[in-house]
Amino acid sequence: MLWYRYVMSSTCGGETPTAVIKVDAQHRVVLPRAIRESAIVGAGDELIAFADGRGRIVLATKDAVKSELRAMFAAGRRDWPSDEDSTARVRRMRDQDALAEAERESQRVTDDRSLRGHAE
C-alpha cells in the first residue's frame, strides 16, 4: 500500500496513520485509535465496507459516501474518470504493490541466507 500512503500524505498534508491489524477467529477486526480518530469514526458509527479487489477492503462512513456521491452528481459526472482510466490506474497501483512485495521477499531471502551463513 505504498501508493496509498504516498497519495494520502501528499493530498492530506501529512502522514496518514497506518496499522497492521488481524482478523480474529470470529472474523472481526479492531480499528486502532489513531486511525479512528484520524477518520473521525466513533463508537456506534455505521460504516460501509467495499471489497476493492482481492485482498482489499475499504471502509467509509455513510456520510462520507453520501457526500462523495452528491459531489459526483453535482459535477454532472464530468469529473468521473472513465472506466478505462480507473482500470489502468488500479492495474498500475497493483503492479507497484507487487513489485514492492517482490523486493521485500527478495530481501527476506537474502537476510535468511545471511543468517544461515552466520550460524554455521
PDB file of N, CA and C in Angstrom:
ATOM      1  N   MET A   1       0.810  -1.191   0.000  1.00  0.00           N
ATOM      2  CA  MET A   1       0.000   0.000   0.000  1.00  0.00           C
ATOM      3  C   MET A   1       0.858   1.260   0.000  1.00  0.00           C
ATOM      4  N   LEU A   2       2.050   1.122  -0.531  1.00  0.00           N
ATOM      5  CA  LEU A   2       2.923   2.278  -0.586  1.00  0.00           C
ATOM      6  C   LEU A   2       2.289   3.406  -1.377  1.00  0.00           C
ATOM      7  N   TRP A   3       1.610   3.079  -2.458  1.00  0.00           N
ATOM      8  CA  TRP A   3       0.966   4.107  -3.286  1.00  0.00           C
ATOM      9  C   TRP A   3      -0.063   4.871  -2.469  1.00  0.00           C
ATOM     10  N   TYR A   4      -0.810   4.178  -1.606  1.00  0.00           N
ATOM     11  CA  TYR A   4      -1.858   4.819  -0.832  1.00  0.00           C
ATOM     12  C   TYR A   4      -1.251   5.805   0.168  1.00  0.00           C
ATOM     13  N   ARG A   5      -0.204   5.371   0.863  1.00  0.00           N
ATOM     14  CA  ARG A   5       0.425   6.262   1.835  1.00  0.00           C
ATOM     15  C   ARG A   5       1.001   7.485   1.144  1.00  0.00           C
ATOM     16  N   TYR A   6       1.598   7.291  -0.046  1.00  0.00           N
ATOM     17  CA  TYR A   6       2.157   8.413  -0.785  1.00  0.00           C
ATOM     18  C   TYR A   6       1.060   9.391  -1.203  1.00  0.00           C
ATOM     19  N   VAL A   7      -0.005   8.870  -1.782  1.00  0.00           N
ATOM     20  CA  VAL A   7      -1.111   9.726  -2.236  1.00  0.00           C
ATOM     21  C   VAL A   7      -1.737  10.457  -1.060  1.00  0.00           C
ATOM     22  N   MET A   8      -2.012   9.725   0.022  1.00  0.00           N
ATOM     23  CA  MET A   8      -2.681  10.345   1.162  1.00  0.00           C
ATOM     24  C   MET A   8      -1.786  11.358   1.859  1.00  0.00           C
ATOM     25  N   SER A   9      -0.499  11.082   1.979  1.00  0.00           N
ATOM     26  CA  SER A   9       0.374  12.029   2.661  1.00  0.00           C
ATOM     27  C   SER A   9       0.519  13.305   1.839  1.00  0.00           C
ATOM     28  N   SER A  10       0.486  13.188   0.512  1.00  0.00           N
ATOM     29  CA  SER A  10       0.632  14.378  -0.309  1.00  0.00           C
ATOM     30  C   SER A  10      -0.677  15.140  -0.461  1.00  0.00           C
ATOM     31  N   THR A  11      -1.817  14.448  -0.400  1.00  0.00           N
ATOM     32  CA  THR A  11      -3.093  15.144  -0.578  1.00  0.00           C
ATOM     33  C   THR A  11      -3.685  15.621   0.739  1.00  0.00           C
ATOM     34  N   CYS A  12      -3.340  14.964   1.848  1.00  0.00           N
ATOM     35  CA  CYS A  12      -3.906  15.340   3.143  1.00  0.00           C
ATOM     36  C   CYS A  12      -2.966  16.240   3.937  1.00  0.00           C
ATOM     37  N   GLY A  13      -1.796  16.525   3.392  1.00  0.00           N
ATOM     38  CA  GLY A  13      -0.889  17.432   4.051  1.00  0.00           C
ATOM     39  C   GLY A  13      -0.111  16.825   5.205  1.00  0.00           C
ATOM     40  N   GLY A  14      -0.079  15.538   5.322  1.00  0.00           N
ATOM     41  CA  GLY A  14       0.677  14.927   6.408  1.00  0.00           C
ATOM     42  C   GLY A  14       0.636  13.427   6.316  1.00  0.00           C
ATOM     43  N   GLU A  15       1.276  12.793   7.272  1.00  0.00           N
ATOM     44  CA  GLU A  15       1.332  11.332   7.306  1.00  0.00           C
ATOM     45  C   GLU A  15      -0.012  10.780   7.759  1.00  0.00           C
ATOM     46  N   THR A  16      -0.547   9.864   7.000  1.00  0.00           N
ATOM     47  CA  THR A  16      -1.802   9.215   7.342  1.00  0.00           C
ATOM     48  C   THR A  16      -1.505   8.032   8.252  1.00  0.00           C
ATOM     49  N   PRO A  17      -2.223   7.911   9.387  1.00  0.00           N
ATOM     50  CA  PRO A  17      -1.974   6.773  10.278  1.00  0.00           C
ATOM     51  C   PRO A  17      -2.207   5.452   9.556  1.00  0.00           C
ATOM     52  N   THR A  18      -1.321   4.510   9.784  1.00  0.00           N
ATOM     53  CA  THR A  18      -1.472   3.167   9.238  1.00  0.00           C
ATOM     54  C   THR A  18      -1.223   2.175  10.355  1.00  0.00           C
ATOM     55  N   ALA A  19      -1.737   0.969  10.192  1.00  0.00           N
ATOM     56  CA  ALA A  19      -1.535  -0.072  11.195  1.00  0.00           C
ATOM     57  C   ALA A  19      -1.742  -1.427  10.549  1.00  0.00           C
ATOM     58  N   VAL A  20      -1.093  -2.425  11.104  1.00  0.00           N
ATOM     59  CA  VAL A  20      -1.347  -3.800  10.710  1.00  0.00           C
ATOM     60  C   VAL A  20      -2.347  -4.340  11.724  1.00  0.00           C
ATOM     61  N   ILE A  21      -3.472  -4.829  11.225  1.00  0.00           N
ATOM     62  CA  ILE A  21      -4.483  -5.386  12.118  1.00  0.00           C
ATOM     63  C   ILE A  21      -4.778  -6.812  11.695  1.00  0.00           C
ATOM     64  N   LYS A  22      -5.278  -7.603  12.637  1.00  0.00           N
ATOM     65  CA  LYS A  22      -5.570  -9.003  12.357  1.00  0.00           C
ATOM     66  C   LYS A  22      -7.067  -9.250  12.408  1.00  0.00           C
ATOM     67  N   VAL A  23      -7.477 -10.225  11.618  1.00  0.00           N
ATOM     68  CA  VAL A  23      -8.857 -10.698  11.659  1.00  0.00           C
ATOM     69  C   VAL A  23      -8.878 -11.818  12.692  1.00  0.00           C
ATOM     70  N   ASP A  24      -9.764 -11.706  13.708  1.00  0.00           N
ATOM     71  CA  ASP A  24      -9.774 -12.732  14.751  1.00  0.00           C
ATOM     72  C   ASP A  24     -10.566 -13.962  14.313  1.00  0.00           C
ATOM     73  N   ALA A  25     -10.680 -14.921  15.197  1.00  0.00           N
ATOM     74  CA  ALA A  25     -11.332 -16.201  14.873  1.00  0.00           C
ATOM     75  C   ALA A  25     -12.798 -16.020  14.488  1.00  0.00           C
ATOM     76  N   GLN A  26     -13.430 -14.961  14.975  1.00  0.00           N
ATOM     77  CA  GLN A  26     -14.830 -14.676  14.607  1.00  0.00           C
ATOM     78  C   GLN A  26     -14.919 -13.720  13.416  1.00  0.00           C
ATOM     79  N   HIS A  27     -13.799 -13.529  12.720  1.00  0.00           N
ATOM     80  CA  HIS A  27     -13.720 -12.668  11.530  1.00  0.00           C
ATOM     81  C   HIS A  27     -13.990 -11.198  11.843  1.00  0.00           C
ATOM     82  N   ARG A  28     -13.556 -10.758  13.007  1.00  0.00           N
ATOM     83  CA  ARG A  28     -13.712  -9.356  13.406  1.00  0.00           C
ATOM     84  C   ARG A  28     -12.352  -8.672  13.377  1.00  0.00           C
ATOM     85  N   VAL A  29     -12.395  -7.345  13.229  1.00  0.00           N
ATOM     86  CA  VAL A  29     -11.178  -6.546  13.320  1.00  0.00           C
ATOM     87  C   VAL A  29     -11.430  -5.392  14.286  1.00  0.00           C
ATOM     88  N   VAL A  30     -10.377  -4.912  14.893  1.00  0.00           N
ATOM     89  CA  VAL A  30     -10.455  -3.741  15.758  1.00  0.00           C
ATOM     90  C   VAL A  30      -9.665  -2.634  15.082  1.00  0.00           C
ATOM     91  N   LEU A  31     -10.308  -1.487  14.901  1.00  0.00           N
ATOM     92  CA  LEU A  31      -9.631  -0.353  14.284  1.00  0.00           C
ATOM     93  C   LEU A  31      -8.847   0.395  15.362  1.00  0.00           C
ATOM     94  N   PRO A  32      -7.543   0.572  15.166  1.00  0.00           N
ATOM     95  CA  PRO A  32      -6.733   1.280  16.165  1.00  0.00           C
ATOM     96  C   PRO A  32      -7.201   2.716  16.377  1.00  0.00           C
ATOM     97  N   ARG A  33      -6.962   3.207  17.571  1.00  0.00           N
ATOM     98  CA  ARG A  33      -7.421   4.532  17.981  1.00  0.00           C
ATOM     99  C   ARG A  33      -6.957   5.631  17.018  1.00  0.00           C
ATOM    100  N   ALA A  34      -5.683   5.605  16.644  1.00  0.00           N
ATOM    101  CA  ALA A  34      -5.152   6.662  15.763  1.00  0.00           C
ATOM    102  C   ALA A  34      -5.903   6.713  14.439  1.00  0.00           C
ATOM    103  N   ILE A  35      -6.258   5.558  13.918  1.00  0.00           N
ATOM    104  CA  ILE A  35      -6.987   5.507  12.649  1.00  0.00           C
ATOM    105  C   ILE A  35      -8.419   5.996  12.851  1.00  0.00           C
ATOM    106  N   ARG A  36      -9.064   5.552  13.927  1.00  0.00           N
ATOM    107  CA  ARG A  36     -10.443   6.015  14.207  1.00  0.00           C
ATOM    108  C   ARG A  36     -10.477   7.523  14.382  1.00  0.00           C
ATOM    109  N   GLU A  37      -9.518   8.043  15.130  1.00  0.00           N
ATOM    110  CA  GLU A  37      -9.501   9.485  15.378  1.00  0.00           C
ATOM    111  C   GLU A  37      -9.206  10.274  14.096  1.00  0.00           C
ATOM    112  N   SER A  38      -8.283   9.782  13.296  1.00  0.00           N
ATOM    113  CA  SER A  38      -7.952  10.457  12.043  1.00  0.00           C
ATOM    114  C   SER A  38      -9.147  10.483  11.093  1.00  0.00           C
ATOM    115  N   ALA A  39      -9.908   9.390  11.069  1.00  0.00           N
ATOM    116  CA  ALA A  39     -11.077   9.283  10.185  1.00  0.00           C
ATOM    117  C   ALA A  39     -12.341   9.846  10.834  1.00  0.00           C
ATOM    118  N   ILE A  40     -12.232  10.266  12.086  1.00  0.00           N
ATOM    119  CA  ILE A  40     -13.364  10.777  12.858  1.00  0.00           C
ATOM    120  C   ILE A  40     -14.502   9.752  12.862  1.00  0.00           C
ATOM    121  N   VAL A  41     -14.182   8.563  13.309  1.00  0.00           N
ATOM    122  CA  VAL A  41     -15.144   7.476  13.439  1.00  0.00           C
ATOM    123  C   VAL A  41     -15.276   7.151  14.916  1.00  0.00           C
ATOM    124  N   GLY A  42     -16.508   7.149  15.396  1.00  0.00           N
ATOM    125  CA  GLY A  42     -16.731   6.884  16.808  1.00  0.00           C
ATOM    126  C   GLY A  42     -17.547   5.625  17.038  1.00  0.00           C
ATOM    127  N   ALA A  43     -17.671   5.265  18.307  1.00  0.00           N
ATOM    128  CA  ALA A  43     -18.451   4.090  18.690  1.00  0.00           C
ATOM    129  C   ALA A  43     -19.882   4.257  18.192  1.00  0.00           C
ATOM    130  N   GLY A  44     -20.416   3.222  17.601  1.00  0.00           N
ATOM    131  CA  GLY A  44     -21.790   3.248  17.111  1.00  0.00           C
ATOM    132  C   GLY A  44     -21.944   3.771  15.689  1.00  0.00           C
ATOM    133  N   ASP A  45     -20.914   4.384  15.137  1.00  0.00           N
ATOM    134  CA  ASP A  45     -20.996   4.859  13.748  1.00  0.00           C
ATOM    135  C   ASP A  45     -21.129   3.656  12.818  1.00  0.00           C
ATOM    136  N   GLU A  46     -21.960   3.796  11.815  1.00  0.00           N
ATOM    137  CA  GLU A  46     -22.117   2.735  10.828  1.00  0.00           C
ATOM    138  C   GLU A  46     -21.154   2.992   9.676  1.00  0.00           C
ATOM    139  N   LEU A  47     -20.450   1.946   9.278  1.00  0.00           N
ATOM    140  CA  LEU A  47     -19.508   2.043   8.170  1.00  0.00           C
ATOM    141  C   LEU A  47     -20.001   1.187   7.012  1.00  0.00           C
ATOM    142  N   ILE A  48     -19.687   1.630   5.818  1.00  0.00           N
ATOM    143  CA  ILE A  48     -19.976   0.847   4.621  1.00  0.00           C
ATOM    144  C   ILE A  48     -18.651   0.202   4.206  1.00  0.00           C
ATOM    145  N   ALA A  49     -18.690  -1.092   3.976  1.00  0.00           N
ATOM    146  CA  ALA A  49     -17.485  -1.824   3.580  1.00  0.00           C
ATOM    147  C   ALA A  49     -17.568  -2.157   2.099  1.00  0.00           C
ATOM    148  N   PHE A  50     -16.490  -1.873   1.393  1.00  0.00           N
ATOM    149  CA  PHE A  50     -16.389  -2.183  -0.028  1.00  0.00           C
ATOM    150  C   PHE A  50     -15.278  -3.195  -0.237  1.00  0.00           C
ATOM    151  N   ALA A  51     -15.540  -4.244  -0.984  1.00  0.00           N
ATOM    152  CA  ALA A  51     -14.472  -5.136  -1.430  1.00  0.00           C
ATOM    153  C   ALA A  51     -13.879  -4.480  -2.666  1.00  0.00           C
ATOM    154  N   ASP A  52     -12.638  -4.057  -2.565  1.00  0.00           N
ATOM    155  CA  ASP A  52     -11.992  -3.308  -3.641  1.00  0.00           C
ATOM    156  C   ASP A  52     -10.892  -4.157  -4.272  1.00  0.00           C
ATOM    157  N   GLY A  53     -11.310  -5.287  -4.799  1.00  0.00           N
ATOM    158  CA  GLY A  53     -10.342  -6.200  -5.393  1.00  0.00           C
ATOM    159  C   GLY A  53      -9.883  -7.223  -4.376  1.00  0.00           C
ATOM    160  N   ARG A  54      -9.121  -8.172  -4.840  1.00  0.00           N
ATOM    161  CA  ARG A  54      -8.646  -9.261  -3.994  1.00  0.00           C
ATOM    162  C   ARG A  54      -7.713  -8.728  -2.896  1.00  0.00           C
ATOM    163  N   GLY A  55      -8.072  -8.996  -1.664  1.00  0.00           N
ATOM    164  CA  GLY A  55      -7.235  -8.601  -0.542  1.00  0.00           C
ATOM    165  C   GLY A  55      -7.382  -7.157  -0.105  1.00  0.00           C
ATOM    166  N   ARG A  56      -8.346  -6.438  -0.643  1.00  0.00           N
ATOM    167  CA  ARG A  56      -8.525  -5.028  -0.281  1.00  0.00           C
ATOM    168  C   ARG A  56      -9.947  -4.779   0.184  1.00  0.00           C
ATOM    169  N   ILE A  57     -10.048  -4.143   1.333  1.00  0.00           N
ATOM    170  CA  ILE A  57     -11.349  -3.748   1.880  1.00  0.00           C
ATOM    171  C   ILE A  57     -11.257  -2.267   2.218  1.00  0.00           C
ATOM    172  N   VAL A  58     -12.266  -1.501   1.813  1.00  0.00           N
ATOM    173  CA  VAL A  58     -12.320  -0.078   2.098  1.00  0.00           C
ATOM    174  C   VAL A  58     -13.508   0.162   3.017  1.00  0.00           C
ATOM    175  N   LEU A  59     -13.286   0.933   4.074  1.00  0.00           N
ATOM    176  CA  LEU A  59     -14.357   1.296   4.990  1.00  0.00           C
ATOM    177  C   LEU A  59     -14.617   2.787   4.871  1.00  0.00           C
ATOM    178  N   ALA A  60     -15.886   3.170   4.880  1.00  0.00           N
ATOM    179  CA  ALA A  60     -16.249   4.584   4.826  1.00  0.00           C
ATOM    180  C   ALA A  60     -17.539   4.787   5.602  1.00  0.00           C
ATOM    181  N   THR A  61     -17.664   5.946   6.237  1.00  0.00           N
ATOM    182  CA  THR A  61     -18.919   6.247   6.921  1.00  0.00           C
ATOM    183  C   THR A  61     -19.998   6.511   5.876  1.00  0.00           C
ATOM    184  N   LYS A  62     -21.241   6.327   6.278  1.00  0.00           N
ATOM    185  CA  LYS A  62     -22.346   6.604   5.351  1.00  0.00           C
ATOM    186  C   LYS A  62     -22.305   8.060   4.900  1.00  0.00           C
ATOM    187  N   ASP A  63     -22.018   8.964   5.842  1.00  0.00           N
ATOM    188  CA  ASP A  63     -21.968  10.384   5.490  1.00  0.00           C
ATOM    189  C   ASP A  63     -20.884  10.680   4.460  1.00  0.00           C
ATOM    190  N   ALA A  64     -19.734  10.030   4.594  1.00  0.00           N
ATOM    191  CA  ALA A  64     -18.650  10.250   3.636  1.00  0.00           C
ATOM    192  C   ALA A  64     -19.050   9.766   2.244  1.00  0.00           C
ATOM    193  N   VAL A  65     -19.700   8.612   2.186  1.00  0.00           N
ATOM    194  CA  VAL A  65     -20.137   8.076   0.891  1.00  0.00           C
ATOM    195  C   VAL A  65     -21.207   8.981   0.282  1.00  0.00           C
ATOM    196  N   LYS A  66     -22.154   9.427   1.104  1.00  0.00           N
ATOM    197  CA  LYS A  66     -23.202  10.331   0.599  1.00  0.00           C
ATOM    198  C   LYS A  66     -22.594  11.619   0.059  1.00  0.00           C
ATOM    199  N   SER A  67     -21.648  12.188   0.790  1.00  0.00           N
ATOM    200  CA  SER A  67     -21.015  13.438   0.346  1.00  0.00           C
ATOM    201  C   SER A  67     -20.286  13.249  -0.983  1.00  0.00           C
ATOM    202  N   GLU A  68     -19.575  12.138  -1.099  1.00  0.00           N
ATOM    203  CA  GLU A  68     -18.863  11.856  -2.345  1.00  0.00           C
ATOM    204  C   GLU A  68     -19.826  11.710  -3.514  1.00  0.00           C
ATOM    205  N   LEU A  69     -20.904  10.972  -3.287  1.00  0.00           N
ATOM    206  CA  LEU A  69     -21.885  10.771  -4.361  1.00  0.00           C
ATOM    207  C   LEU A  69     -22.555  12.085  -4.744  1.00  0.00           C
ATOM    208  N   ARG A  70     -22.910  12.905  -3.741  1.00  0.00           N
ATOM    209  CA  ARG A  70     -23.529  14.206  -4.042  1.00  0.00           C
ATOM    210  C   ARG A  70     -22.586  15.062  -4.892  1.00  0.00           C
ATOM    211  N   ALA A  71     -21.308  15.068  -4.529  1.00  0.00           N
ATOM    212  CA  ALA A  71     -20.332  15.865  -5.274  1.00  0.00           C
ATOM    213  C   ALA A  71     -20.195  15.352  -6.712  1.00  0.00           C
ATOM    214  N   MET A  72     -20.201  14.034  -6.884  1.00  0.00           N
ATOM    215  CA  MET A  72     -20.090  13.468  -8.231  1.00  0.00           C
ATOM    216  C   MET A  72     -21.306  13.825  -9.076  1.00  0.00           C
ATOM    217  N   PHE A  73     -22.481  13.697  -8.479  1.00  0.00           N
ATOM    218  CA  PHE A  73     -23.689  14.015  -9.244  1.00  0.00           C
ATOM    219  C   PHE A  73     -23.789  15.507  -9.519  1.00  0.00           C
ATOM    220  N   ALA A  74     -23.378  16.328  -8.565  1.00  0.00           N
ATOM    221  CA  ALA A  74     -23.406  17.777  -8.769  1.00  0.00           C
ATOM    222  C   ALA A  74     -22.476  18.185  -9.901  1.00  0.00           C
ATOM    223  N   ALA A  75     -21.395  17.443 -10.070  1.00  0.00           N
ATOM    224  CA  ALA A  75     -20.435  17.741 -11.136  1.00  0.00           C
ATOM    225  C   ALA A  75     -20.943  17.245 -12.486  1.00  0.00           C
ATOM    226  N   GLY A  76     -22.118  16.631 -12.505  1.00  0.00           N
ATOM    227  CA  GLY A  76     -22.672  16.137 -13.755  1.00  0.00           C
ATOM    228  C   GLY A  76     -21.823  15.038 -14.368  1.00  0.00           C
ATOM    229  N   ARG A  77     -21.129  14.309 -13.525  1.00  0.00           N
ATOM    230  CA  ARG A  77     -20.279  13.198 -13.943  1.00  0.00           C
ATOM    231  C   ARG A  77     -19.106  13.648 -14.788  1.00  0.00           C
ATOM    232  N   ARG A  78     -18.896  14.942 -14.930  1.00  0.00           N
ATOM    233  CA  ARG A  78     -17.766  15.417 -15.728  1.00  0.00           C
ATOM    234  C   ARG A  78     -16.438  15.055 -15.066  1.00  0.00           C
ATOM    235  N   ASP A  79     -16.436  14.991 -13.739  1.00  0.00           N
ATOM    236  CA  ASP A  79     -15.193  14.719 -13.019  1.00  0.00           C
ATOM    237  C   ASP A  79     -14.910  13.233 -12.876  1.00  0.00           C
ATOM    238  N   TRP A  80     -15.854  12.391 -13.270  1.00  0.00           N
ATOM    239  CA  TRP A  80     -15.652  10.962 -13.110  1.00  0.00           C
ATOM    240  C   TRP A  80     -14.659  10.463 -14.134  1.00  0.00           C
ATOM    241  N   PRO A  81     -13.666   9.681 -13.691  1.00  0.00           N
ATOM    242  CA  PRO A  81     -12.757   9.092 -14.675  1.00  0.00           C
ATOM    243  C   PRO A  81     -13.484   8.014 -15.461  1.00  0.00           C
ATOM    244  N   SER A  82     -13.046   7.782 -16.675  1.00  0.00           N
ATOM    245  CA  SER A  82     -13.660   6.715 -17.456  1.00  0.00           C
ATOM    246  C   SER A  82     -13.285   5.378 -16.844  1.00  0.00           C
ATOM    247  N   ASP A  83     -14.045   4.338 -17.166  1.00  0.00           N
ATOM    248  CA  ASP A  83     -13.740   3.005 -16.653  1.00  0.00           C
ATOM    249  C   ASP A  83     -12.334   2.584 -17.063  1.00  0.00           C
ATOM    250  N   GLU A  84     -11.924   2.953 -18.270  1.00  0.00           N
ATOM    251  CA  GLU A  84     -10.580   2.591 -18.735  1.00  0.00           C
ATOM    252  C   GLU A  84      -9.517   3.282 -17.896  1.00  0.00           C
ATOM    253  N   ASP A  85      -9.732   4.575 -17.563  1.00  0.00           N
ATOM    254  CA  ASP A  85      -8.780   5.302 -16.718  1.00  0.00           C
ATOM    255  C   ASP A  85      -8.689   4.649 -15.345  1.00  0.00           C
ATOM    256  N   SER A  86      -9.832   4.316 -14.768  1.00  0.00           N
ATOM    257  CA  SER A  86      -9.856   3.702 -13.441  1.00  0.00           C
ATOM    258  C   SER A  86      -9.175   2.351 -13.464  1.00  0.00           C
ATOM    259  N   THR A  87      -9.463   1.563 -14.463  1.00  0.00           N
ATOM    260  CA  THR A  87      -8.870   0.231 -14.576  1.00  0.00           C
ATOM    261  C   THR A  87      -7.363   0.334 -14.726  1.00  0.00           C
ATOM    262  N   ALA A  88      -6.906   1.229 -15.565  1.00  0.00           N
ATOM    263  CA  ALA A  88      -5.462   1.399 -15.771  1.00  0.00           C
ATOM    264  C   ALA A  88      -4.793   1.861 -14.476  1.00  0.00           C
ATOM    265  N   ARG A  89      -5.444   2.775 -13.759  1.00  0.00           N
ATOM    266  CA  ARG A  89      -4.878   3.279 -12.507  1.00  0.00           C
ATOM    267  C   ARG A  89      -4.773   2.156 -11.470  1.00  0.00           C
ATOM    268  N   VAL A  90      -5.815   1.341 -11.348  1.00  0.00           N
ATOM    269  CA  VAL A  90      -5.801   0.224 -10.391  1.00  0.00           C
ATOM    270  C   VAL A  90      -4.719  -0.780 -10.781  1.00  0.00           C
ATOM    271  N   ARG A  91      -4.608  -1.085 -12.061  1.00  0.00           N
ATOM    272  CA  ARG A  91      -3.563  -2.017 -12.510  1.00  0.00           C
ATOM    273  C   ARG A  91      -2.167  -1.489 -12.189  1.00  0.00           C
ATOM    274  N   ARG A  92      -1.954  -0.198 -12.424  1.00  0.00           N
ATOM    275  CA  ARG A  92      -0.661   0.405 -12.116  1.00  0.00           C
ATOM    276  C   ARG A  92      -0.351   0.300 -10.624  1.00  0.00           C
ATOM    277  N   MET A  93      -1.350   0.591  -9.784  1.00  0.00           N
ATOM    278  CA  MET A  93      -1.143   0.518  -8.336  1.00  0.00           C
ATOM    279  C   MET A  93      -0.866  -0.915  -7.899  1.00  0.00           C
ATOM    280  N   ARG A  94      -1.580  -1.872  -8.468  1.00  0.00           N
ATOM    281  CA  ARG A  94      -1.346  -3.273  -8.123  1.00  0.00           C
ATOM    282  C   ARG A  94       0.037  -3.727  -8.574  1.00  0.00           C
ATOM    283  N   ASP A  95       0.468  -3.276  -9.748  1.00  0.00           N
ATOM    284  CA  ASP A  95       1.812  -3.618 -10.229  1.00  0.00           C
ATOM    285  C   ASP A  95       2.875  -3.052  -9.285  1.00  0.00           C
ATOM    286  N   GLN A  96       2.666  -1.821  -8.817  1.00  0.00           N
ATOM    287  CA  GLN A  96       3.606  -1.216  -7.880  1.00  0.00           C
ATOM    288  C   GLN A  96       3.636  -1.997  -6.567  1.00  0.00           C
ATOM    289  N   ASP A  97       2.458  -2.393  -6.066  1.00  0.00           N
ATOM    290  CA  ASP A  97       2.395  -3.191  -4.841  1.00  0.00           C
ATOM    291  C   ASP A  97       3.090  -4.533  -5.023  1.00  0.00           C
ATOM    292  N   ALA A  98       2.881  -5.186  -6.175  1.00  0.00           N
ATOM    293  CA  ALA A  98       3.504  -6.483  -6.446  1.00  0.00           C
ATOM    294  C   ALA A  98       5.022  -6.335  -6.512  1.00  0.00           C
ATOM    295  N   LEU A  99       5.507  -5.265  -7.130  1.00  0.00           N
ATOM    296  CA  LEU A  99       6.940  -5.026  -7.210  1.00  0.00           C
ATOM    297  C   LEU A  99       7.526  -4.805  -5.815  1.00  0.00           C
ATOM    298  N   ALA A 100       6.842  -4.009  -4.997  1.00  0.00           N
ATOM    299  CA  ALA A 100       7.321  -3.764  -3.637  1.00  0.00           C
ATOM    300  C   ALA A 100       7.345  -5.066  -2.835  1.00  0.00           C
ATOM    301  N   GLU A 101       6.322  -5.899  -2.987  1.00  0.00           N
ATOM    302  CA  GLU A 101       6.278  -7.184  -2.287  1.00  0.00           C
ATOM    303  C   GLU A 101       7.400  -8.102  -2.755  1.00  0.00           C
ATOM    304  N   ALA A 102       7.673  -8.126  -4.053  1.00  0.00           N
ATOM    305  CA  ALA A 102       8.765  -8.951  -4.587  1.00  0.00           C
ATOM    306  C   ALA A 102      10.110  -8.480  -4.030  1.00  0.00           C
ATOM    307  N   GLU A 103      10.279  -7.167  -3.914  1.00  0.00           N
ATOM    308  CA  GLU A 103      11.521  -6.638  -3.343  1.00  0.00           C
ATOM    309  C   GLU A 103      11.654  -7.025  -1.875  1.00  0.00           C
ATOM    310  N   ARG A 104      10.556  -6.963  -1.117  1.00  0.00           N
ATOM    311  CA  ARG A 104      10.587  -7.375   0.297  1.00  0.00           C
ATOM    312  C   ARG A 104      10.916  -8.855   0.415  1.00  0.00           C
ATOM    313  N   GLU A 105      10.316  -9.684  -0.436  1.00  0.00           N
ATOM    314  CA  GLU A 105      10.579 -11.126  -0.405  1.00  0.00           C
ATOM    315  C   GLU A 105      12.031 -11.408  -0.752  1.00  0.00           C
ATOM    316  N   SER A 106      12.564 -10.720  -1.735  1.00  0.00           N
ATOM    317  CA  SER A 106      13.966 -10.891  -2.115  1.00  0.00           C
ATOM    318  C   SER A 106      14.872 -10.522  -0.942  1.00  0.00           C
ATOM    319  N   GLN A 107      14.533  -9.452  -0.244  1.00  0.00           N
ATOM    320  CA  GLN A 107      15.326  -9.034   0.911  1.00  0.00           C
ATOM    321  C   GLN A 107      15.235 -10.069   2.030  1.00  0.00           C
ATOM    322  N   ARG A 108      14.036 -10.658   2.236  1.00  0.00           N
ATOM    323  CA  ARG A 108      13.885 -11.699   3.265  1.00  0.00           C
ATOM    324  C   ARG A 108      14.756 -12.906   2.940  1.00  0.00           C
ATOM    325  N   VAL A 109      14.777 -13.306   1.676  1.00  0.00           N
ATOM    326  CA  VAL A 109      15.597 -14.448   1.262  1.00  0.00           C
ATOM    327  C   VAL A 109      17.071 -14.139   1.495  1.00  0.00           C
ATOM    328  N   THR A 110      17.498 -12.948   1.118  1.00  0.00           N
ATOM    329  CA  THR A 110      18.884 -12.538   1.322  1.00  0.00           C
ATOM    330  C   THR A 110      19.230 -12.538   2.809  1.00  0.00           C
ATOM    331  N   ASP A 111      18.323 -11.996   3.627  1.00  0.00           N
ATOM    332  CA  ASP A 111      18.553 -11.967   5.074  1.00  0.00           C
ATOM    333  C   ASP A 111      18.620 -13.372   5.651  1.00  0.00           C
ATOM    334  N   ASP A 112      17.719 -14.269   5.209  1.00  0.00           N
ATOM    335  CA  ASP A 112      17.730 -15.651   5.678  1.00  0.00           C
ATOM    336  C   ASP A 112      19.043 -16.337   5.329  1.00  0.00           C
ATOM    337  N   ARG A 113      19.533 -16.142   4.108  1.00  0.00           N
ATOM    338  CA  ARG A 113      20.800 -16.747   3.695  1.00  0.00           C
ATOM    339  C   ARG A 113      21.957 -16.196   4.524  1.00  0.00           C
ATOM    340  N   SER A 114      21.900 -14.916   4.796  1.00  0.00           N
ATOM    341  CA  SER A 114      22.947 -14.292   5.592  1.00  0.00           C
ATOM    342  C   SER A 114      22.953 -14.846   7.007  1.00  0.00           C
ATOM    343  N   LEU A 115      21.773 -15.010   7.597  1.00  0.00           N
ATOM    344  CA  LEU A 115      21.672 -15.564   8.943  1.00  0.00           C
ATOM    345  C   LEU A 115      22.176 -17.009   8.987  1.00  0.00           C
ATOM    346  N   ARG A 116      21.827 -17.790   7.976  1.00  0.00           N
ATOM    347  CA  ARG A 116      22.286 -19.170   7.933  1.00  0.00           C
ATOM    348  C   ARG A 116      23.800 -19.240   7.805  1.00  0.00           C
ATOM    349  N   GLY A 117      24.380 -18.298   7.066  1.00  0.00           N
ATOM    350  CA  GLY A 117      25.828 -18.251   6.893  1.00  0.00           C
ATOM    351  C   GLY A 117      26.536 -17.946   8.201  1.00  0.00           C
ATOM    352  N   HIS A 118      25.915 -17.107   9.043  1.00  0.00           N
ATOM    353  CA  HIS A 118      26.493 -16.762  10.335  1.00  0.00           C
ATOM    354  C   HIS A 118      26.324 -17.881  11.347  1.00  0.00           C
ATOM    355  N   ALA A 119      25.297 -18.689  11.172  1.00  0.00           N
ATOM    356  CA  ALA A 119      25.004 -19.773  12.119  1.00  0.00           C
ATOM    357  C   ALA A 119      25.975 -20.928  11.965  1.00  0.00           C
ATOM    358  N   GLU A 120      26.557 -21.077  10.780  1.00  0.00           N
ATOM    359  CA  GLU A 120      27.451 -22.213  10.534  1.00  0.00           C
ATOM    360  C   GLU A 120      28.803 -22.037  11.083  1.00  0.00           C
TER     361      GLU A 120
END
